[in-house]
Amino acid sequence: FVESSPKQDGRNMLMVIGPTRKKTEAKVEVK
């Protein structure tokens, strides 16, 4: 999901997407 909406930063435009699952849950599934 979009954790940080798009914003201009000089010549770049940034956006942060966060995972819907926690890392611990992902590790359990990977294992």
ModelCIF file with pLDDT and N, C-alpha, C, O atoms, coordinates in Angstrom:
data_MODEL
#
_entry.id   MODEL 
#
_entity.id                         1 
_entity.type                       polymer 
_entity.pdbx_number_of_molecules   1 
#
_entity_poly.entity_id                      1 
_entity_poly.type                           'polypeptide(L)' 
_entity_poly.nstd_linkage                   no 
_entity_poly.nstd_monomer                   no 
_entity_poly.pdbx_seq_one_letter_code       FVESSPKQDGRNMLMVIGPTRKKTEAKVEVK 
_entity_poly.pdbx_seq_one_letter_code_can   FVESSPKQDGRNMLMVIGPTRKKTEAKVEVK 
_entity_poly.pdbx_strand_id                 A 
#
loop_
_entity_poly_seq.entity_id 
_entity_poly_seq.num 
_entity_poly_seq.mon_id 
_entity_poly_seq.hetero 
1 1  PHE n 
1 2  VAL n 
1 3  GLU n 
1 4  SER n 
1 5  SER n 
1 6  PRO n 
1 7  LYS n 
1 8  GLN n 
1 9  ASP n 
1 10 GLY n 
1 11 ARG n 
1 12 ASN n 
1 13 MET n 
1 14 LEU n 
1 15 MET n 
1 16 VAL n 
1 17 ILE n 
1 18 GLY n 
1 19 PRO n 
1 20 THR n 
1 21 ARG n 
1 22 LYS n 
1 23 LYS n 
1 24 THR n 
1 25 GLU n 
1 26 ALA n 
1 27 LYS n 
1 28 VAL n 
1 29 GLU n 
1 30 VAL n 
1 31 LYS n 
#
_struct_asym.id          A 
_struct_asym.entity_id   1 
#
loop_
_ma_qa_metric.id 
_ma_qa_metric.mode 
_ma_qa_metric.name 
_ma_qa_metric.software_group_id 
_ma_qa_metric.type 
1 global pLDDT . pLDDT 
2 local  pLDDT . pLDDT 
#
_ma_qa_metric_global.metric_id      1 
_ma_qa_metric_global.metric_value   84.16 
_ma_qa_metric_global.model_id       1 
_ma_qa_metric_global.ordinal_id     1 
#
loop_
_ma_qa_metric_local.label_asym_id 
_ma_qa_metric_local.label_comp_id 
_ma_qa_metric_local.label_seq_id 
_ma_qa_metric_local.metric_id 
_ma_qa_metric_local.metric_value 
_ma_qa_metric_local.model_id 
_ma_qa_metric_local.ordinal_id 
A PHE 1  2 95.00 1 1  
A VAL 2  2 95.00 1 2  
A GLU 3  2 93.00 1 3  
A SER 4  2 92.00 1 4  
A SER 5  2 93.00 1 5  
A PRO 6  2 94.00 1 6  
A LYS 7  2 94.00 1 7  
A GLN 8  2 91.00 1 8  
A ASP 9  2 90.00 1 9  
A GLY 10 2 89.00 1 10 
A ARG 11 2 91.00 1 11 
A ASN 12 2 94.00 1 12 
A MET 13 2 95.00 1 13 
A LEU 14 2 96.00 1 14 
A MET 15 2 96.00 1 15 
A VAL 16 2 96.00 1 16 
A ILE 17 2 96.00 1 17 
A GLY 18 2 94.00 1 18 
A PRO 19 2 93.00 1 19 
A THR 20 2 90.00 1 20 
A ARG 21 2 80.00 1 21 
A LYS 22 2 73.00 1 22 
A LYS 23 2 63.00 1 23 
A THR 24 2 59.00 1 24 
A GLU 25 2 66.00 1 25 
A ALA 26 2 63.00 1 26 
A LYS 27 2 65.00 1 27 
A VAL 28 2 66.00 1 28 
A GLU 29 2 68.00 1 29 
A VAL 30 2 67.00 1 30 
A LYS 31 2 72.00 1 31 
#
loop_
_atom_site.group_PDB 
_atom_site.id 
_atom_site.type_symbol 
_atom_site.label_atom_id 
_atom_site.label_alt_id 
_atom_site.label_comp_id 
_atom_site.label_asym_id 
_atom_site.label_entity_id 
_atom_site.label_seq_id 
_atom_site.pdbx_PDB_ins_code 
_atom_site.Cartn_x 
_atom_site.Cartn_y 
_atom_site.Cartn_z 
_atom_site.occupancy 
_atom_site.B_iso_or_equiv 
_atom_site.pdbx_formal_charge 
_atom_site.auth_seq_id 
_atom_site.auth_comp_id 
_atom_site.auth_asym_id 
_atom_site.auth_atom_id 
_atom_site.pdbx_PDB_model_num 
ATOM 1   N N  . PHE A 1 1  ? 0.850  -1.192  0.000   1.00 95.00 ? 1  PHE A N  1 
ATOM 2   C CA . PHE A 1 1  ? 0.000  0.000   0.000   1.00 95.00 ? 1  PHE A CA 1 
ATOM 3   C C  . PHE A 1 1  ? 0.885  1.242   0.000   1.00 95.00 ? 1  PHE A C  1 
ATOM 4   O O  . PHE A 1 1  ? 2.044  1.196   0.413   1.00 95.00 ? 1  PHE A O  1 
ATOM 5   N N  . VAL A 1 2  ? 0.324  2.338   -0.465  1.00 95.00 ? 2  VAL A N  1 
ATOM 6   C CA . VAL A 1 2  ? 1.090  3.588   -0.536  1.00 95.00 ? 2  VAL A CA 1 
ATOM 7   C C  . VAL A 1 2  ? 1.236  4.151   0.871   1.00 95.00 ? 2  VAL A C  1 
ATOM 8   O O  . VAL A 1 2  ? 0.265  4.603   1.477   1.00 95.00 ? 2  VAL A O  1 
ATOM 9   N N  . GLU A 1 3  ? 2.451  4.117   1.374   1.00 93.00 ? 3  GLU A N  1 
ATOM 10  C CA . GLU A 1 3  ? 2.730  4.615   2.718   1.00 93.00 ? 3  GLU A CA 1 
ATOM 11  C C  . GLU A 1 3  ? 3.094  6.091   2.675   1.00 93.00 ? 3  GLU A C  1 
ATOM 12  O O  . GLU A 1 3  ? 2.777  6.843   3.597   1.00 93.00 ? 3  GLU A O  1 
ATOM 13  N N  . SER A 1 4  ? 3.751  6.499   1.620   1.00 92.00 ? 4  SER A N  1 
ATOM 14  C CA . SER A 1 4  ? 4.116  7.908   1.432   1.00 92.00 ? 4  SER A CA 1 
ATOM 15  C C  . SER A 1 4  ? 3.743  8.306   0.014   1.00 92.00 ? 4  SER A C  1 
ATOM 16  O O  . SER A 1 4  ? 4.299  7.775   -0.947  1.00 92.00 ? 4  SER A O  1 
ATOM 17  N N  . SER A 1 5  ? 2.815  9.228   -0.121  1.00 93.00 ? 5  SER A N  1 
ATOM 18  C CA . SER A 1 5  ? 2.311  9.628   -1.436  1.00 93.00 ? 5  SER A CA 1 
ATOM 19  C C  . SER A 1 5  ? 3.406  10.275  -2.278  1.00 93.00 ? 5  SER A C  1 
ATOM 20  O O  . SER A 1 5  ? 4.390  10.782  -1.739  1.00 93.00 ? 5  SER A O  1 
ATOM 21  N N  . PRO A 1 6  ? 3.233  10.257  -3.606  1.00 94.00 ? 6  PRO A N  1 
ATOM 22  C CA . PRO A 1 6  ? 4.256  10.845  -4.491  1.00 94.00 ? 6  PRO A CA 1 
ATOM 23  C C  . PRO A 1 6  ? 4.543  12.313  -4.152  1.00 94.00 ? 6  PRO A C  1 
ATOM 24  O O  . PRO A 1 6  ? 3.627  13.101  -3.916  1.00 94.00 ? 6  PRO A O  1 
ATOM 25  N N  . LYS A 1 7  ? 5.820  12.655  -4.133  1.00 94.00 ? 7  LYS A N  1 
ATOM 26  C CA . LYS A 1 7  ? 6.213  14.042  -3.881  1.00 94.00 ? 7  LYS A CA 1 
ATOM 27  C C  . LYS A 1 7  ? 7.478  14.345  -4.664  1.00 94.00 ? 7  LYS A C  1 
ATOM 28  O O  . LYS A 1 7  ? 8.320  13.473  -4.878  1.00 94.00 ? 7  LYS A O  1 
ATOM 29  N N  . GLN A 1 8  ? 7.596  15.568  -5.078  1.00 91.00 ? 8  GLN A N  1 
ATOM 30  C CA . GLN A 1 8  ? 8.742  16.009  -5.859  1.00 91.00 ? 8  GLN A CA 1 
ATOM 31  C C  . GLN A 1 8  ? 9.928  16.263  -4.953  1.00 91.00 ? 8  GLN A C  1 
ATOM 32  O O  . GLN A 1 8  ? 9.788  16.884  -3.899  1.00 91.00 ? 8  GLN A O  1 
ATOM 33  N N  . ASP A 1 9  ? 11.088 15.791  -5.354  1.00 90.00 ? 9  ASP A N  1 
ATOM 34  C CA . ASP A 1 9  ? 12.321 16.000  -4.600  1.00 90.00 ? 9  ASP A CA 1 
ATOM 35  C C  . ASP A 1 9  ? 13.409 16.367  -5.596  1.00 90.00 ? 9  ASP A C  1 
ATOM 36  O O  . ASP A 1 9  ? 14.130 15.498  -6.087  1.00 90.00 ? 9  ASP A O  1 
ATOM 37  N N  . GLY A 1 10 ? 13.527 17.671  -5.897  1.00 89.00 ? 10 GLY A N  1 
ATOM 38  C CA . GLY A 1 10 ? 14.484 18.113  -6.899  1.00 89.00 ? 10 GLY A CA 1 
ATOM 39  C C  . GLY A 1 10 ? 14.119 17.577  -8.270  1.00 89.00 ? 10 GLY A C  1 
ATOM 40  O O  . GLY A 1 10 ? 13.015 17.819  -8.757  1.00 89.00 ? 10 GLY A O  1 
ATOM 41  N N  . ARG A 1 11 ? 15.037 16.848  -8.898  1.00 91.00 ? 11 ARG A N  1 
ATOM 42  C CA . ARG A 1 11 ? 14.771 16.277  -10.215 1.00 91.00 ? 11 ARG A CA 1 
ATOM 43  C C  . ARG A 1 11 ? 14.044 14.932  -10.143 1.00 91.00 ? 11 ARG A C  1 
ATOM 44  O O  . ARG A 1 11 ? 13.715 14.343  -11.173 1.00 91.00 ? 11 ARG A O  1 
ATOM 45  N N  . ASN A 1 12 ? 13.800 14.461  -8.945  1.00 94.00 ? 12 ASN A N  1 
ATOM 46  C CA . ASN A 1 12 ? 13.172 13.153  -8.772  1.00 94.00 ? 12 ASN A CA 1 
ATOM 47  C C  . ASN A 1 12 ? 11.782 13.276  -8.166  1.00 94.00 ? 12 ASN A C  1 
ATOM 48  O O  . ASN A 1 12 ? 11.433 14.299  -7.576  1.00 94.00 ? 12 ASN A O  1 
ATOM 49  N N  . MET A 1 13 ? 11.002 12.226  -8.319  1.00 95.00 ? 13 MET A N  1 
ATOM 50  C CA . MET A 1 13 ? 9.716  12.116  -7.651  1.00 95.00 ? 13 MET A CA 1 
ATOM 51  C C  . MET A 1 13 ? 9.727  10.807  -6.875  1.00 95.00 ? 13 MET A C  1 
ATOM 52  O O  . MET A 1 13 ? 10.091 9.758   -7.408  1.00 95.00 ? 13 MET A O  1 
ATOM 53  N N  . LEU A 1 14 ? 9.322  10.880  -5.607  1.00 96.00 ? 14 LEU A N  1 
ATOM 54  C CA . LEU A 1 14 ? 9.451  9.732   -4.708  1.00 96.00 ? 14 LEU A CA 1 
ATOM 55  C C  . LEU A 1 14 ? 8.098  9.255   -4.202  1.00 96.00 ? 14 LEU A C  1 
ATOM 56  O O  . LEU A 1 14 ? 7.157  10.034  -4.052  1.00 96.00 ? 14 LEU A O  1 
ATOM 57  N N  . MET A 1 15 ? 8.028  7.973   -3.946  1.00 96.00 ? 15 MET A N  1 
ATOM 58  C CA . MET A 1 15 ? 6.861  7.364   -3.318  1.00 96.00 ? 15 MET A CA 1 
ATOM 59  C C  . MET A 1 15 ? 7.337  6.137   -2.553  1.00 96.00 ? 15 MET A C  1 
ATOM 60  O O  . MET A 1 15 ? 8.226  5.420   -3.015  1.00 96.00 ? 15 MET A O  1 
ATOM 61  N N  . VAL A 1 16 ? 6.748  5.892   -1.384  1.00 96.00 ? 16 VAL A N  1 
ATOM 62  C CA . VAL A 1 16 ? 7.105  4.725   -0.583  1.00 96.00 ? 16 VAL A CA 1 
ATOM 63  C C  . VAL A 1 16 ? 5.904  3.794   -0.503  1.00 96.00 ? 16 VAL A C  1 
ATOM 64  O O  . VAL A 1 16 ? 4.792  4.215   -0.184  1.00 96.00 ? 16 VAL A O  1 
ATOM 65  N N  . ILE A 1 17 ? 6.148  2.524   -0.797  1.00 96.00 ? 17 ILE A N  1 
ATOM 66  C CA . ILE A 1 17 ? 5.108  1.498   -0.710  1.00 96.00 ? 17 ILE A CA 1 
ATOM 67  C C  . ILE A 1 17 ? 5.466  0.554   0.423   1.00 96.00 ? 17 ILE A C  1 
ATOM 68  O O  . ILE A 1 17 ? 6.568  0.006   0.459   1.00 96.00 ? 17 ILE A O  1 
ATOM 69  N N  . GLY A 1 18 ? 4.533  0.363   1.348   1.00 94.00 ? 18 GLY A N  1 
ATOM 70  C CA . GLY A 1 18 ? 4.758  -0.541  2.472   1.00 94.00 ? 18 GLY A CA 1 
ATOM 71  C C  . GLY A 1 18 ? 4.123  -1.895  2.217   1.00 94.00 ? 18 GLY A C  1 
ATOM 72  O O  . GLY A 1 18 ? 3.125  -1.982  1.502   1.00 94.00 ? 18 GLY A O  1 
ATOM 73  N N  . PRO A 1 19 ? 4.686  -2.956  2.790   1.00 93.00 ? 19 PRO A N  1 
ATOM 74  C CA . PRO A 1 19 ? 4.130  -4.301  2.588   1.00 93.00 ? 19 PRO A CA 1 
ATOM 75  C C  . PRO A 1 19 ? 2.837  -4.485  3.373   1.00 93.00 ? 19 PRO A C  1 
ATOM 76  O O  . PRO A 1 19 ? 2.670  -3.925  4.457   1.00 93.00 ? 19 PRO A O  1 
ATOM 77  N N  . THR A 1 20 ? 1.929  -5.271  2.816   1.00 90.00 ? 20 THR A N  1 
ATOM 78  C CA . THR A 1 20 ? 0.680  -5.541  3.528   1.00 90.00 ? 20 THR A CA 1 
ATOM 79  C C  . THR A 1 20 ? 0.887  -6.530  4.661   1.00 90.00 ? 20 THR A C  1 
ATOM 80  O O  . THR A 1 20 ? 0.066  -6.602  5.575   1.00 90.00 ? 20 THR A O  1 
ATOM 81  N N  . ARG A 1 21 ? 1.977  -7.297  4.613   1.00 80.00 ? 21 ARG A N  1 
ATOM 82  C CA . ARG A 1 21 ? 2.266  -8.265  5.665   1.00 80.00 ? 21 ARG A CA 1 
ATOM 83  C C  . ARG A 1 21 ? 3.516  -7.867  6.419   1.00 80.00 ? 21 ARG A C  1 
ATOM 84  O O  . ARG A 1 21 ? 4.411  -7.229  5.866   1.00 80.00 ? 21 ARG A O  1 
ATOM 85  N N  . LYS A 1 22 ? 3.571  -8.245  7.679   1.00 73.00 ? 22 LYS A N  1 
ATOM 86  C CA . LYS A 1 22 ? 4.758  -7.984  8.478   1.00 73.00 ? 22 LYS A CA 1 
ATOM 87  C C  . LYS A 1 22 ? 5.897  -8.895  8.025   1.00 73.00 ? 22 LYS A C  1 
ATOM 88  O O  . LYS A 1 22 ? 5.677  -9.961  7.450   1.00 73.00 ? 22 LYS A O  1 
ATOM 89  N N  . LYS A 1 23 ? 7.096  -8.449  8.298   1.00 63.00 ? 23 LYS A N  1 
ATOM 90  C CA . LYS A 1 23 ? 8.272  -9.210  7.876   1.00 63.00 ? 23 LYS A CA 1 
ATOM 91  C C  . LYS A 1 23 ? 8.316  -10.573 8.552   1.00 63.00 ? 23 LYS A C  1 
ATOM 92  O O  . LYS A 1 23 ? 8.751  -11.557 7.954   1.00 63.00 ? 23 LYS A O  1 
ATOM 93  N N  . THR A 1 24 ? 7.861  -10.627 9.810   1.00 59.00 ? 24 THR A N  1 
ATOM 94  C CA . THR A 1 24 ? 7.869  -11.912 10.510  1.00 59.00 ? 24 THR A CA 1 
ATOM 95  C C  . THR A 1 24 ? 6.940  -12.907 9.817   1.00 59.00 ? 24 THR A C  1 
ATOM 96  O O  . THR A 1 24 ? 7.255  -14.092 9.704   1.00 59.00 ? 24 THR A O  1 
ATOM 97  N N  . GLU A 1 25 ? 5.783  -12.408 9.351   1.00 66.00 ? 25 GLU A N  1 
ATOM 98  C CA . GLU A 1 25 ? 4.846  -13.282 8.650   1.00 66.00 ? 25 GLU A CA 1 
ATOM 99  C C  . GLU A 1 25 ? 5.443  -13.750 7.336   1.00 66.00 ? 25 GLU A C  1 
ATOM 100 O O  . GLU A 1 25 ? 5.300  -14.912 6.955   1.00 66.00 ? 25 GLU A O  1 
ATOM 101 N N  . ALA A 1 26 ? 6.116  -12.834 6.646   1.00 63.00 ? 26 ALA A N  1 
ATOM 102 C CA . ALA A 1 26 ? 6.746  -13.203 5.373   1.00 63.00 ? 26 ALA A CA 1 
ATOM 103 C C  . ALA A 1 26 ? 7.824  -14.253 5.598   1.00 63.00 ? 26 ALA A C  1 
ATOM 104 O O  . ALA A 1 26 ? 7.962  -15.181 4.801   1.00 63.00 ? 26 ALA A O  1 
ATOM 105 N N  . LYS A 1 27 ? 8.597  -14.111 6.689   1.00 65.00 ? 27 LYS A N  1 
ATOM 106 C CA . LYS A 1 27 ? 9.653  -15.086 6.979   1.00 65.00 ? 27 LYS A CA 1 
ATOM 107 C C  . LYS A 1 27 ? 9.065  -16.459 7.253   1.00 65.00 ? 27 LYS A C  1 
ATOM 108 O O  . LYS A 1 27 ? 9.617  -17.478 6.837   1.00 65.00 ? 27 LYS A O  1 
ATOM 109 N N  . VAL A 1 28 ? 7.928  -16.479 7.964   1.00 66.00 ? 28 VAL A N  1 
ATOM 110 C CA . VAL A 1 28 ? 7.277  -17.762 8.257   1.00 66.00 ? 28 VAL A CA 1 
ATOM 111 C C  . VAL A 1 28 ? 6.844  -18.440 6.960   1.00 66.00 ? 28 VAL A C  1 
ATOM 112 O O  . VAL A 1 28 ? 7.021  -19.646 6.788   1.00 66.00 ? 28 VAL A O  1 
ATOM 113 N N  . GLU A 1 29 ? 6.272  -17.644 6.046   1.00 68.00 ? 29 GLU A N  1 
ATOM 114 C CA . GLU A 1 29 ? 5.820  -18.219 4.779   1.00 68.00 ? 29 GLU A CA 1 
ATOM 115 C C  . GLU A 1 29 ? 6.987  -18.695 3.931   1.00 68.00 ? 29 GLU A C  1 
ATOM 116 O O  . GLU A 1 29 ? 6.915  -19.751 3.303   1.00 68.00 ? 29 GLU A O  1 
ATOM 117 N N  . VAL A 1 30 ? 8.065  -17.914 3.914   1.00 67.00 ? 30 VAL A N  1 
ATOM 118 C CA . VAL A 1 30 ? 9.246  -18.312 3.147   1.00 67.00 ? 30 VAL A CA 1 
ATOM 119 C C  . VAL A 1 30 ? 9.817  -19.611 3.705   1.00 67.00 ? 30 VAL A C  1 
ATOM 120 O O  . VAL A 1 30 ? 10.198 -20.502 2.946   1.00 67.00 ? 30 VAL A O  1 
ATOM 121 N N  . LYS A 1 31 ? 9.876  -19.717 5.031   1.00 72.00 ? 31 LYS A N  1 
ATOM 122 C CA . LYS A 1 31 ? 10.387 -20.947 5.652   1.00 72.00 ? 31 LYS A CA 1 
ATOM 123 C C  . LYS A 1 31 ? 9.491  -22.137 5.323   1.00 72.00 ? 31 LYS A C  1 
ATOM 124 O O  . LYS A 1 31 ? 9.765  -23.255 5.759   1.00 72.00 ? 31 LYS A O  1 
#
